[in-house]
Amino acid sequence: MSNSILAGIDFAAPSELVARQLIGVTLLVDGVGGRIVETEAYDREDPASHAHVGPTERNEAMFGPPAHAYVYRSYGIHWCLNFVCREVGHGAGVLIRALEPVAGIRVMRARRHTDQDRLLCSGPGKLCQALGVTRAHNGMSLAAPPFELWPAPEGMEVVAGPRIGISKAVEVPWRFGLAGSRYVSRPFRRH
C-alpha cells in the first residue's frame, strides 16, 4: 500500500476526488476530532488556490508529498487545515471546512469557549481552534501522530456546490458536504 493511501483514500489523486472521498472520514488530532462533513478542493491551475502563484514560503507544504498537512493563517486570524494531494511539486490540497464532533468534545468546548456542539467545528477556523491545529502542524504527515484518519462508513451521501469565502473561480463546484449534516459551515443550496 502506498504511503499516500490513508483511510482508504489515495491522496495522490486529484484534489476534487479526494475532497469528495474525505466526507465521512474521521479525523483526530491528538485524539480530538470527528467526522469530516465539509471540504473544498483546490488545484494549482485554479486561480483561487494558494498554489496558483507557484511555490512560496507560505504555501511550500502544498507542493510537498501527498497525505501531509498544509496549515495557513486566514485573514491573519484563523488557522486553516488542508490535506495535500497529487504528486510532489504539483500544488493541490483539500481544505477541511467542518467536522461533526465525536471525540474530545470537552476539550473542544474549552478551546472554543462554547457548549454548543454544532458551533465547535462548523468552519475552518473554528475547526482548527477546536482541534488545537496551528502552524506547528504544517508539513506533518497525516499518517503519523498527532493525526489519525479512520475510513468513512459505507453509504455516505455527498452533496456538492460552489466554494465559499473566495473571490476567484467562485462558480467551481468543488465544495463537498455530507447530505443533511447540521454541522456544515453553511447549508448547501437545494437544486
N, C-alpha and C. Protein backbone atom coordinates (compact mmCIF):
# COMPACT_ATOMS: atom_id res chain seq x y z
N MET A 1 0.85 -1.19 0.00
CA MET A 1 0.00 0.00 0.00
C MET A 1 0.89 1.24 0.00
N SER A 2 0.57 2.20 -0.84
CA SER A 2 1.33 3.43 -0.94
C SER A 2 1.22 4.24 0.35
N ASN A 3 2.28 5.00 0.66
CA ASN A 3 2.21 5.84 1.85
C ASN A 3 1.31 7.05 1.66
N SER A 4 0.73 7.22 0.45
CA SER A 4 -0.24 8.29 0.24
C SER A 4 -1.67 7.79 0.39
N ILE A 5 -1.84 6.50 0.70
CA ILE A 5 -3.18 5.95 0.91
C ILE A 5 -3.45 5.83 2.40
N LEU A 6 -4.45 6.58 2.85
CA LEU A 6 -4.87 6.59 4.26
C LEU A 6 -6.38 6.54 4.30
N ALA A 7 -6.93 5.81 5.25
CA ALA A 7 -8.38 5.71 5.43
C ALA A 7 -9.06 5.33 4.11
N GLY A 8 -8.35 4.55 3.28
CA GLY A 8 -8.92 4.10 2.02
C GLY A 8 -8.92 5.14 0.92
N ILE A 9 -8.23 6.26 1.12
CA ILE A 9 -8.21 7.35 0.15
C ILE A 9 -6.80 7.50 -0.40
N ASP A 10 -6.69 7.60 -1.72
CA ASP A 10 -5.40 7.82 -2.35
C ASP A 10 -5.18 9.32 -2.50
N PHE A 11 -4.35 9.88 -1.64
CA PHE A 11 -4.11 11.32 -1.64
C PHE A 11 -3.31 11.79 -2.85
N ALA A 12 -2.79 10.87 -3.65
CA ALA A 12 -2.10 11.25 -4.89
C ALA A 12 -3.09 11.54 -6.02
N ALA A 13 -4.38 11.32 -5.77
CA ALA A 13 -5.43 11.58 -6.75
C ALA A 13 -5.71 13.09 -6.84
N PRO A 14 -6.44 13.52 -7.87
CA PRO A 14 -6.83 14.94 -7.98
C PRO A 14 -7.62 15.40 -6.74
N SER A 15 -7.41 16.65 -6.37
CA SER A 15 -7.98 17.18 -5.13
C SER A 15 -9.50 17.11 -5.09
N GLU A 16 -10.17 17.30 -6.23
CA GLU A 16 -11.65 17.25 -6.19
C GLU A 16 -12.15 15.84 -5.89
N LEU A 17 -11.41 14.80 -6.28
CA LEU A 17 -11.79 13.43 -5.93
C LEU A 17 -11.52 13.16 -4.46
N VAL A 18 -10.36 13.60 -3.98
CA VAL A 18 -10.01 13.41 -2.57
C VAL A 18 -11.01 14.15 -1.68
N ALA A 19 -11.36 15.38 -2.05
CA ALA A 19 -12.29 16.18 -1.25
C ALA A 19 -13.63 15.47 -1.08
N ARG A 20 -14.13 14.88 -2.15
CA ARG A 20 -15.40 14.15 -2.10
C ARG A 20 -15.26 12.90 -1.23
N GLN A 21 -14.15 12.17 -1.39
CA GLN A 21 -13.95 10.92 -0.66
C GLN A 21 -13.69 11.13 0.83
N LEU A 22 -13.25 12.32 1.21
CA LEU A 22 -12.99 12.60 2.63
C LEU A 22 -14.27 12.76 3.44
N ILE A 23 -15.40 13.00 2.79
CA ILE A 23 -16.65 13.16 3.53
C ILE A 23 -16.97 11.85 4.27
N GLY A 24 -17.12 11.98 5.58
CA GLY A 24 -17.41 10.82 6.43
C GLY A 24 -16.19 10.23 7.10
N VAL A 25 -14.99 10.57 6.63
CA VAL A 25 -13.75 10.09 7.26
C VAL A 25 -13.63 10.75 8.63
N THR A 26 -13.17 9.99 9.62
CA THR A 26 -12.94 10.55 10.95
C THR A 26 -11.52 11.07 11.04
N LEU A 27 -11.39 12.33 11.44
CA LEU A 27 -10.10 13.00 11.64
C LEU A 27 -9.92 13.27 13.13
N LEU A 28 -8.80 12.79 13.67
CA LEU A 28 -8.44 13.09 15.05
C LEU A 28 -7.06 13.73 15.08
N VAL A 29 -6.91 14.72 15.95
CA VAL A 29 -5.61 15.35 16.20
C VAL A 29 -5.38 15.22 17.71
N ASP A 30 -4.39 14.42 18.08
CA ASP A 30 -4.16 14.10 19.50
C ASP A 30 -5.43 13.58 20.16
N GLY A 31 -6.19 12.75 19.44
CA GLY A 31 -7.39 12.12 19.98
C GLY A 31 -8.63 12.98 20.00
N VAL A 32 -8.54 14.20 19.48
CA VAL A 32 -9.67 15.14 19.48
C VAL A 32 -10.12 15.34 18.04
N GLY A 33 -11.42 15.23 17.78
CA GLY A 33 -11.90 15.47 16.42
C GLY A 33 -13.25 14.88 16.14
N GLY A 34 -13.46 14.49 14.87
CA GLY A 34 -14.76 13.97 14.49
C GLY A 34 -14.82 13.61 13.03
N ARG A 35 -16.06 13.43 12.57
CA ARG A 35 -16.34 13.03 11.18
C ARG A 35 -16.30 14.27 10.28
N ILE A 36 -15.52 14.19 9.20
CA ILE A 36 -15.44 15.29 8.23
C ILE A 36 -16.77 15.39 7.50
N VAL A 37 -17.40 16.57 7.55
CA VAL A 37 -18.70 16.77 6.91
C VAL A 37 -18.67 17.83 5.81
N GLU A 38 -17.52 18.52 5.65
CA GLU A 38 -17.44 19.55 4.61
C GLU A 38 -15.98 19.77 4.21
N THR A 39 -15.74 19.82 2.89
CA THR A 39 -14.41 20.04 2.35
C THR A 39 -14.49 20.96 1.14
N GLU A 40 -13.34 21.47 0.72
CA GLU A 40 -13.21 22.21 -0.54
C GLU A 40 -11.91 21.81 -1.21
N ALA A 41 -11.95 21.62 -2.52
CA ALA A 41 -10.78 21.23 -3.29
C ALA A 41 -10.13 22.45 -3.93
N TYR A 42 -8.79 22.41 -4.02
CA TYR A 42 -8.01 23.46 -4.69
C TYR A 42 -6.88 22.80 -5.46
N ASP A 43 -6.55 23.36 -6.63
CA ASP A 43 -5.53 22.81 -7.50
C ASP A 43 -4.68 23.95 -8.06
N ARG A 44 -3.46 23.66 -8.46
CA ARG A 44 -2.54 24.70 -8.94
C ARG A 44 -3.10 25.50 -10.12
N GLU A 45 -3.86 24.86 -11.00
CA GLU A 45 -4.43 25.58 -12.15
C GLU A 45 -5.61 26.47 -11.76
N ASP A 46 -6.05 26.35 -10.53
CA ASP A 46 -7.22 27.05 -10.00
C ASP A 46 -6.80 28.43 -9.47
N PRO A 47 -7.32 29.53 -10.02
CA PRO A 47 -6.90 30.85 -9.56
C PRO A 47 -7.25 31.16 -8.10
N ALA A 48 -8.15 30.38 -7.49
CA ALA A 48 -8.49 30.58 -6.08
C ALA A 48 -7.51 29.87 -5.14
N SER A 49 -6.63 29.05 -5.69
CA SER A 49 -5.71 28.25 -4.89
C SER A 49 -4.47 29.03 -4.49
N HIS A 50 -3.98 28.78 -3.28
CA HIS A 50 -2.70 29.36 -2.86
C HIS A 50 -1.56 28.88 -3.75
N ALA A 51 -1.70 27.70 -4.36
CA ALA A 51 -0.65 27.13 -5.20
C ALA A 51 -0.58 27.78 -6.59
N HIS A 52 -1.59 28.53 -6.95
CA HIS A 52 -1.67 29.11 -8.30
C HIS A 52 -0.45 29.96 -8.65
N VAL A 53 0.12 30.65 -7.67
CA VAL A 53 1.26 31.54 -7.90
C VAL A 53 2.59 30.79 -7.93
N GLY A 54 2.56 29.49 -7.68
CA GLY A 54 3.79 28.71 -7.58
C GLY A 54 4.25 28.65 -6.14
N PRO A 55 5.33 27.92 -5.89
CA PRO A 55 5.81 27.75 -4.52
C PRO A 55 6.28 29.07 -3.88
N THR A 56 5.88 29.27 -2.64
CA THR A 56 6.33 30.40 -1.82
C THR A 56 6.64 29.86 -0.43
N GLU A 57 7.18 30.69 0.42
CA GLU A 57 7.45 30.26 1.80
C GLU A 57 6.15 29.84 2.49
N ARG A 58 5.06 30.57 2.24
CA ARG A 58 3.78 30.29 2.88
C ARG A 58 3.18 28.96 2.42
N ASN A 59 3.19 28.69 1.10
CA ASN A 59 2.47 27.53 0.57
C ASN A 59 3.36 26.33 0.27
N GLU A 60 4.61 26.36 0.68
CA GLU A 60 5.58 25.32 0.35
C GLU A 60 5.05 23.91 0.62
N ALA A 61 4.32 23.71 1.72
CA ALA A 61 3.81 22.37 2.06
C ALA A 61 2.85 21.84 1.01
N MET A 62 2.14 22.73 0.29
CA MET A 62 1.21 22.28 -0.76
C MET A 62 1.92 21.58 -1.90
N PHE A 63 3.20 21.84 -2.07
CA PHE A 63 3.98 21.26 -3.14
C PHE A 63 4.76 20.03 -2.68
N GLY A 64 4.59 19.68 -1.42
CA GLY A 64 5.29 18.53 -0.86
C GLY A 64 4.56 17.24 -1.13
N PRO A 65 4.91 16.20 -0.40
CA PRO A 65 4.29 14.90 -0.65
C PRO A 65 2.81 14.90 -0.28
N PRO A 66 2.02 14.07 -0.98
CA PRO A 66 0.60 13.95 -0.62
C PRO A 66 0.46 13.35 0.77
N ALA A 67 -0.73 13.50 1.34
CA ALA A 67 -1.07 12.99 2.68
C ALA A 67 -0.25 13.68 3.76
N HIS A 68 -0.02 14.98 3.56
CA HIS A 68 0.61 15.82 4.57
C HIS A 68 -0.29 17.03 4.81
N ALA A 69 -0.05 17.72 5.92
CA ALA A 69 -0.86 18.89 6.28
C ALA A 69 -0.26 20.16 5.69
N TYR A 70 -1.14 21.01 5.22
CA TYR A 70 -0.79 22.38 4.85
C TYR A 70 -1.65 23.28 5.73
N VAL A 71 -1.00 24.03 6.61
CA VAL A 71 -1.72 24.90 7.55
C VAL A 71 -1.30 26.34 7.27
N TYR A 72 -2.28 27.21 7.12
CA TYR A 72 -2.01 28.62 6.89
C TYR A 72 -2.96 29.46 7.73
N ARG A 73 -2.62 30.73 7.90
CA ARG A 73 -3.47 31.65 8.64
C ARG A 73 -4.33 32.43 7.66
N SER A 74 -5.62 32.47 7.93
CA SER A 74 -6.57 33.18 7.08
C SER A 74 -6.88 34.54 7.70
N TYR A 75 -6.77 35.58 6.89
CA TYR A 75 -7.03 36.96 7.33
C TYR A 75 -6.21 37.34 8.56
N GLY A 76 -5.08 36.67 8.78
CA GLY A 76 -4.22 36.96 9.92
C GLY A 76 -4.81 36.59 11.26
N ILE A 77 -5.90 35.81 11.25
CA ILE A 77 -6.62 35.50 12.49
C ILE A 77 -6.72 34.00 12.74
N HIS A 78 -7.27 33.26 11.76
CA HIS A 78 -7.63 31.85 11.95
C HIS A 78 -6.67 30.91 11.22
N TRP A 79 -6.34 29.80 11.86
CA TRP A 79 -5.60 28.75 11.17
C TRP A 79 -6.57 27.93 10.33
N CYS A 80 -6.10 27.43 9.19
CA CYS A 80 -6.90 26.58 8.32
C CYS A 80 -6.07 25.34 7.97
N LEU A 81 -6.73 24.17 8.02
CA LEU A 81 -6.07 22.89 7.78
C LEU A 81 -6.45 22.35 6.41
N ASN A 82 -5.44 22.01 5.63
CA ASN A 82 -5.61 21.41 4.31
C ASN A 82 -4.84 20.10 4.26
N PHE A 83 -5.31 19.18 3.44
CA PHE A 83 -4.61 17.94 3.19
C PHE A 83 -4.02 18.02 1.78
N VAL A 84 -2.71 17.83 1.66
CA VAL A 84 -2.01 17.92 0.38
C VAL A 84 -2.36 16.71 -0.49
N CYS A 85 -2.58 16.97 -1.78
CA CYS A 85 -2.94 15.94 -2.76
C CYS A 85 -1.99 16.01 -3.95
N ARG A 86 -2.18 15.03 -4.85
CA ARG A 86 -1.44 14.94 -6.11
C ARG A 86 0.02 14.59 -5.84
N GLU A 87 0.83 14.65 -6.90
CA GLU A 87 2.24 14.28 -6.79
C GLU A 87 3.06 15.44 -6.24
N VAL A 88 4.25 15.11 -5.74
CA VAL A 88 5.16 16.13 -5.23
C VAL A 88 5.42 17.15 -6.34
N GLY A 89 5.32 18.43 -5.97
CA GLY A 89 5.59 19.51 -6.90
C GLY A 89 4.37 20.05 -7.62
N HIS A 90 3.22 19.35 -7.54
CA HIS A 90 2.05 19.82 -8.28
C HIS A 90 1.37 21.01 -7.60
N GLY A 91 1.12 20.93 -6.29
CA GLY A 91 0.45 22.02 -5.59
C GLY A 91 -1.05 21.90 -5.60
N ALA A 92 -1.59 20.98 -4.80
CA ALA A 92 -3.03 20.79 -4.69
C ALA A 92 -3.37 20.40 -3.26
N GLY A 93 -4.58 20.72 -2.84
CA GLY A 93 -4.97 20.37 -1.49
C GLY A 93 -6.47 20.43 -1.29
N VAL A 94 -6.87 19.93 -0.12
CA VAL A 94 -8.27 19.93 0.28
C VAL A 94 -8.37 20.66 1.61
N LEU A 95 -9.17 21.72 1.63
CA LEU A 95 -9.45 22.45 2.86
C LEU A 95 -10.49 21.67 3.66
N ILE A 96 -10.19 21.42 4.92
CA ILE A 96 -11.14 20.74 5.80
C ILE A 96 -11.99 21.84 6.43
N ARG A 97 -13.24 21.96 5.96
CA ARG A 97 -14.11 23.08 6.36
C ARG A 97 -14.91 22.82 7.63
N ALA A 98 -15.34 21.57 7.87
CA ALA A 98 -16.18 21.32 9.03
C ALA A 98 -16.15 19.86 9.44
N LEU A 99 -16.35 19.64 10.74
CA LEU A 99 -16.42 18.31 11.33
C LEU A 99 -17.67 18.19 12.19
N GLU A 100 -18.15 16.98 12.30
CA GLU A 100 -19.15 16.65 13.32
C GLU A 100 -18.36 16.14 14.52
N PRO A 101 -18.35 16.87 15.64
CA PRO A 101 -17.53 16.46 16.78
C PRO A 101 -17.95 15.10 17.34
N VAL A 102 -16.97 14.22 17.57
CA VAL A 102 -17.27 12.91 18.16
C VAL A 102 -16.29 12.50 19.25
N ALA A 103 -15.09 13.07 19.29
CA ALA A 103 -14.08 12.66 20.27
C ALA A 103 -13.42 13.89 20.89
N GLY A 104 -13.29 13.89 22.21
CA GLY A 104 -12.67 15.02 22.89
C GLY A 104 -13.55 16.25 22.92
N ILE A 105 -14.84 16.05 23.00
CA ILE A 105 -15.78 17.18 22.95
C ILE A 105 -15.55 18.16 24.10
N ARG A 106 -15.24 17.66 25.28
CA ARG A 106 -14.98 18.54 26.43
C ARG A 106 -13.78 19.46 26.14
N VAL A 107 -12.74 18.90 25.54
CA VAL A 107 -11.56 19.69 25.18
C VAL A 107 -11.93 20.74 24.14
N MET A 108 -12.70 20.34 23.12
CA MET A 108 -13.13 21.29 22.09
C MET A 108 -13.96 22.42 22.68
N ARG A 109 -14.87 22.09 23.59
CA ARG A 109 -15.69 23.13 24.22
C ARG A 109 -14.84 24.14 24.96
N ALA A 110 -13.81 23.66 25.66
CA ALA A 110 -12.92 24.56 26.40
C ALA A 110 -12.12 25.44 25.45
N ARG A 111 -11.61 24.87 24.39
CA ARG A 111 -10.83 25.64 23.42
C ARG A 111 -11.67 26.67 22.69
N ARG A 112 -12.93 26.33 22.40
CA ARG A 112 -13.81 27.21 21.63
C ARG A 112 -14.67 28.10 22.53
N HIS A 113 -14.67 27.85 23.82
CA HIS A 113 -15.46 28.64 24.77
C HIS A 113 -16.94 28.63 24.44
N THR A 114 -17.44 27.45 24.11
CA THR A 114 -18.87 27.28 23.84
C THR A 114 -19.28 25.86 24.20
N ASP A 115 -20.54 25.70 24.59
CA ASP A 115 -21.06 24.35 24.84
C ASP A 115 -22.05 23.93 23.75
N GLN A 116 -22.11 24.71 22.67
CA GLN A 116 -22.97 24.38 21.54
C GLN A 116 -22.17 23.54 20.55
N ASP A 117 -22.38 22.24 20.59
CA ASP A 117 -21.59 21.31 19.79
C ASP A 117 -21.64 21.62 18.29
N ARG A 118 -22.76 22.13 17.79
CA ARG A 118 -22.87 22.45 16.37
C ARG A 118 -21.90 23.55 15.97
N LEU A 119 -21.50 24.39 16.90
CA LEU A 119 -20.62 25.51 16.61
C LEU A 119 -19.14 25.20 16.84
N LEU A 120 -18.82 24.02 17.32
CA LEU A 120 -17.43 23.71 17.65
C LEU A 120 -16.52 23.68 16.43
N CYS A 121 -16.96 23.04 15.35
CA CYS A 121 -16.10 22.82 14.17
C CYS A 121 -16.80 23.19 12.88
N SER A 122 -17.73 24.14 12.90
CA SER A 122 -18.53 24.50 11.73
C SER A 122 -17.90 25.63 10.93
N GLY A 123 -16.66 25.44 10.55
CA GLY A 123 -15.90 26.39 9.76
C GLY A 123 -14.43 26.09 9.95
N PRO A 124 -13.60 26.41 8.96
CA PRO A 124 -12.18 26.01 9.04
C PRO A 124 -11.42 26.61 10.22
N GLY A 125 -11.69 27.86 10.57
CA GLY A 125 -11.02 28.48 11.71
C GLY A 125 -11.48 27.88 13.03
N LYS A 126 -12.78 27.67 13.16
CA LYS A 126 -13.33 27.06 14.37
C LYS A 126 -12.77 25.65 14.55
N LEU A 127 -12.72 24.91 13.44
CA LEU A 127 -12.23 23.54 13.45
C LEU A 127 -10.79 23.49 13.97
N CYS A 128 -9.93 24.37 13.46
CA CYS A 128 -8.54 24.36 13.90
C CYS A 128 -8.41 24.76 15.36
N GLN A 129 -9.20 25.73 15.80
CA GLN A 129 -9.17 26.12 17.20
C GLN A 129 -9.62 24.95 18.08
N ALA A 130 -10.70 24.27 17.71
CA ALA A 130 -11.23 23.15 18.49
C ALA A 130 -10.25 21.98 18.56
N LEU A 131 -9.53 21.73 17.46
CA LEU A 131 -8.60 20.60 17.40
C LEU A 131 -7.18 20.99 17.84
N GLY A 132 -6.94 22.27 18.09
CA GLY A 132 -5.62 22.72 18.51
C GLY A 132 -4.60 22.73 17.38
N VAL A 133 -5.08 22.88 16.13
CA VAL A 133 -4.19 22.89 14.97
C VAL A 133 -3.61 24.29 14.80
N THR A 134 -2.28 24.35 14.64
CA THR A 134 -1.56 25.61 14.44
C THR A 134 -0.52 25.43 13.33
N ARG A 135 0.23 26.45 13.07
CA ARG A 135 1.29 26.39 12.07
C ARG A 135 2.31 25.29 12.40
N ALA A 136 2.40 24.91 13.66
CA ALA A 136 3.32 23.83 14.07
C ALA A 136 2.98 22.52 13.38
N HIS A 137 1.73 22.35 12.92
CA HIS A 137 1.30 21.12 12.23
C HIS A 137 1.61 21.15 10.73
N ASN A 138 2.02 22.31 10.21
CA ASN A 138 2.28 22.46 8.79
C ASN A 138 3.38 21.50 8.33
N GLY A 139 3.10 20.76 7.27
CA GLY A 139 4.07 19.84 6.70
C GLY A 139 4.10 18.46 7.35
N MET A 140 3.35 18.27 8.42
CA MET A 140 3.34 16.97 9.10
C MET A 140 2.60 15.92 8.28
N SER A 141 3.05 14.68 8.41
CA SER A 141 2.39 13.56 7.74
C SER A 141 1.05 13.26 8.41
N LEU A 142 0.04 13.00 7.60
CA LEU A 142 -1.26 12.60 8.13
C LEU A 142 -1.25 11.15 8.58
N ALA A 143 -0.18 10.42 8.26
CA ALA A 143 -0.07 9.01 8.60
C ALA A 143 0.60 8.77 9.95
N ALA A 144 0.90 9.84 10.69
CA ALA A 144 1.59 9.70 11.97
C ALA A 144 0.99 10.66 12.99
N PRO A 145 1.18 10.34 14.29
CA PRO A 145 0.70 11.25 15.32
C PRO A 145 1.27 12.66 15.10
N PRO A 146 0.47 13.67 15.40
CA PRO A 146 -0.78 13.63 16.17
C PRO A 146 -2.03 13.32 15.36
N PHE A 147 -1.86 13.07 14.04
CA PHE A 147 -3.03 12.83 13.18
C PHE A 147 -3.44 11.37 13.18
N GLU A 148 -4.75 11.14 13.08
CA GLU A 148 -5.33 9.83 12.82
C GLU A 148 -6.48 10.03 11.84
N LEU A 149 -6.57 9.17 10.84
CA LEU A 149 -7.67 9.18 9.88
C LEU A 149 -8.28 7.79 9.87
N TRP A 150 -9.61 7.72 10.01
CA TRP A 150 -10.34 6.45 10.01
C TRP A 150 -11.35 6.46 8.87
N PRO A 151 -11.49 5.35 8.16
CA PRO A 151 -12.37 5.30 6.98
C PRO A 151 -13.81 5.72 7.28
N ALA A 152 -14.45 6.26 6.27
CA ALA A 152 -15.86 6.63 6.36
C ALA A 152 -16.72 5.37 6.34
N PRO A 153 -17.86 5.42 7.02
CA PRO A 153 -18.80 4.30 6.90
C PRO A 153 -19.35 4.22 5.47
N GLU A 154 -19.84 3.08 5.11
CA GLU A 154 -20.45 2.90 3.78
C GLU A 154 -21.69 3.76 3.65
N GLY A 155 -22.00 4.16 2.41
CA GLY A 155 -23.27 4.81 2.12
C GLY A 155 -23.37 6.28 2.48
N MET A 156 -22.25 7.00 2.55
CA MET A 156 -22.29 8.43 2.83
C MET A 156 -22.83 9.15 1.60
N GLU A 157 -23.90 9.91 1.75
CA GLU A 157 -24.43 10.69 0.63
C GLU A 157 -23.73 12.05 0.60
N VAL A 158 -23.05 12.34 -0.49
CA VAL A 158 -22.26 13.56 -0.62
C VAL A 158 -22.98 14.54 -1.55
N VAL A 159 -23.04 15.80 -1.12
CA VAL A 159 -23.58 16.86 -1.96
C VAL A 159 -22.43 17.77 -2.38
N ALA A 160 -22.61 18.50 -3.48
CA ALA A 160 -21.57 19.38 -3.99
C ALA A 160 -22.17 20.74 -4.35
N GLY A 161 -21.32 21.74 -4.34
CA GLY A 161 -21.74 23.08 -4.72
C GLY A 161 -20.54 23.98 -4.85
N PRO A 162 -20.76 25.27 -5.14
CA PRO A 162 -19.66 26.21 -5.28
C PRO A 162 -18.95 26.44 -3.94
N ARG A 163 -17.67 26.71 -4.03
CA ARG A 163 -16.89 27.01 -2.82
C ARG A 163 -17.35 28.36 -2.27
N ILE A 164 -17.02 28.59 -1.00
CA ILE A 164 -17.45 29.83 -0.34
C ILE A 164 -16.23 30.55 0.25
N GLY A 165 -16.39 31.85 0.47
CA GLY A 165 -15.33 32.63 1.09
C GLY A 165 -14.16 32.95 0.18
N ILE A 166 -14.36 32.86 -1.14
CA ILE A 166 -13.31 33.17 -2.10
C ILE A 166 -13.83 34.20 -3.09
N SER A 167 -12.90 34.84 -3.82
CA SER A 167 -13.33 35.85 -4.79
C SER A 167 -13.00 35.46 -6.23
N LYS A 168 -12.24 34.37 -6.43
CA LYS A 168 -11.89 33.90 -7.77
C LYS A 168 -12.44 32.50 -7.97
N ALA A 169 -12.81 32.18 -9.19
CA ALA A 169 -13.32 30.84 -9.54
C ALA A 169 -14.45 30.42 -8.60
N VAL A 170 -15.33 31.36 -8.28
CA VAL A 170 -16.41 31.10 -7.33
C VAL A 170 -17.45 30.11 -7.86
N GLU A 171 -17.50 29.94 -9.18
CA GLU A 171 -18.50 29.04 -9.76
C GLU A 171 -18.08 27.57 -9.76
N VAL A 172 -16.82 27.30 -9.45
CA VAL A 172 -16.32 25.91 -9.48
C VAL A 172 -16.99 25.11 -8.36
N PRO A 173 -17.67 24.00 -8.68
CA PRO A 173 -18.44 23.25 -7.68
C PRO A 173 -17.58 22.25 -6.90
N TRP A 174 -16.53 22.75 -6.25
CA TRP A 174 -15.60 21.89 -5.53
C TRP A 174 -15.75 21.99 -4.02
N ARG A 175 -16.93 22.34 -3.55
CA ARG A 175 -17.25 22.26 -2.13
C ARG A 175 -18.12 21.02 -1.96
N PHE A 176 -17.75 20.16 -1.02
CA PHE A 176 -18.45 18.91 -0.81
C PHE A 176 -18.90 18.81 0.64
N GLY A 177 -20.05 18.15 0.84
CA GLY A 177 -20.57 18.01 2.19
C GLY A 177 -21.37 16.75 2.37
N LEU A 178 -21.56 16.40 3.63
CA LEU A 178 -22.39 15.27 3.98
C LEU A 178 -23.84 15.73 3.92
N ALA A 179 -24.63 15.09 3.07
CA ALA A 179 -26.04 15.48 2.87
C ALA A 179 -26.77 15.50 4.21
N GLY A 180 -27.45 16.61 4.47
CA GLY A 180 -28.28 16.73 5.66
C GLY A 180 -27.54 17.02 6.95
N SER A 181 -26.23 17.18 6.91
CA SER A 181 -25.47 17.43 8.15
C SER A 181 -25.78 18.81 8.69
N ARG A 182 -26.02 18.89 9.98
CA ARG A 182 -26.24 20.19 10.63
C ARG A 182 -24.94 20.82 11.10
N TYR A 183 -23.82 20.13 10.82
CA TYR A 183 -22.51 20.61 11.29
C TYR A 183 -21.72 21.36 10.21
N VAL A 184 -22.24 21.47 8.99
CA VAL A 184 -21.52 22.20 7.94
C VAL A 184 -21.45 23.68 8.29
N SER A 185 -20.50 24.39 7.68
CA SER A 185 -20.32 25.81 7.98
C SER A 185 -21.46 26.66 7.42
N ARG A 186 -22.00 26.23 6.29
CA ARG A 186 -23.11 26.92 5.65
C ARG A 186 -23.90 25.87 4.87
N PRO A 187 -25.23 25.92 4.94
CA PRO A 187 -26.01 24.90 4.22
C PRO A 187 -25.74 24.91 2.71
N PHE A 188 -25.88 23.76 2.10
CA PHE A 188 -25.77 23.64 0.65
C PHE A 188 -27.12 24.01 0.06
N ARG A 189 -27.11 24.68 -1.10
CA ARG A 189 -28.36 25.03 -1.79
C ARG A 189 -29.00 23.78 -2.35
N ARG A 190 -30.29 23.72 -2.27
CA ARG A 190 -31.04 22.61 -2.87
C ARG A 190 -31.29 22.92 -4.34
N HIS A 191 -31.17 21.89 -5.18
CA HIS A 191 -31.41 22.09 -6.62
C HIS A 191 -32.79 21.58 -6.97
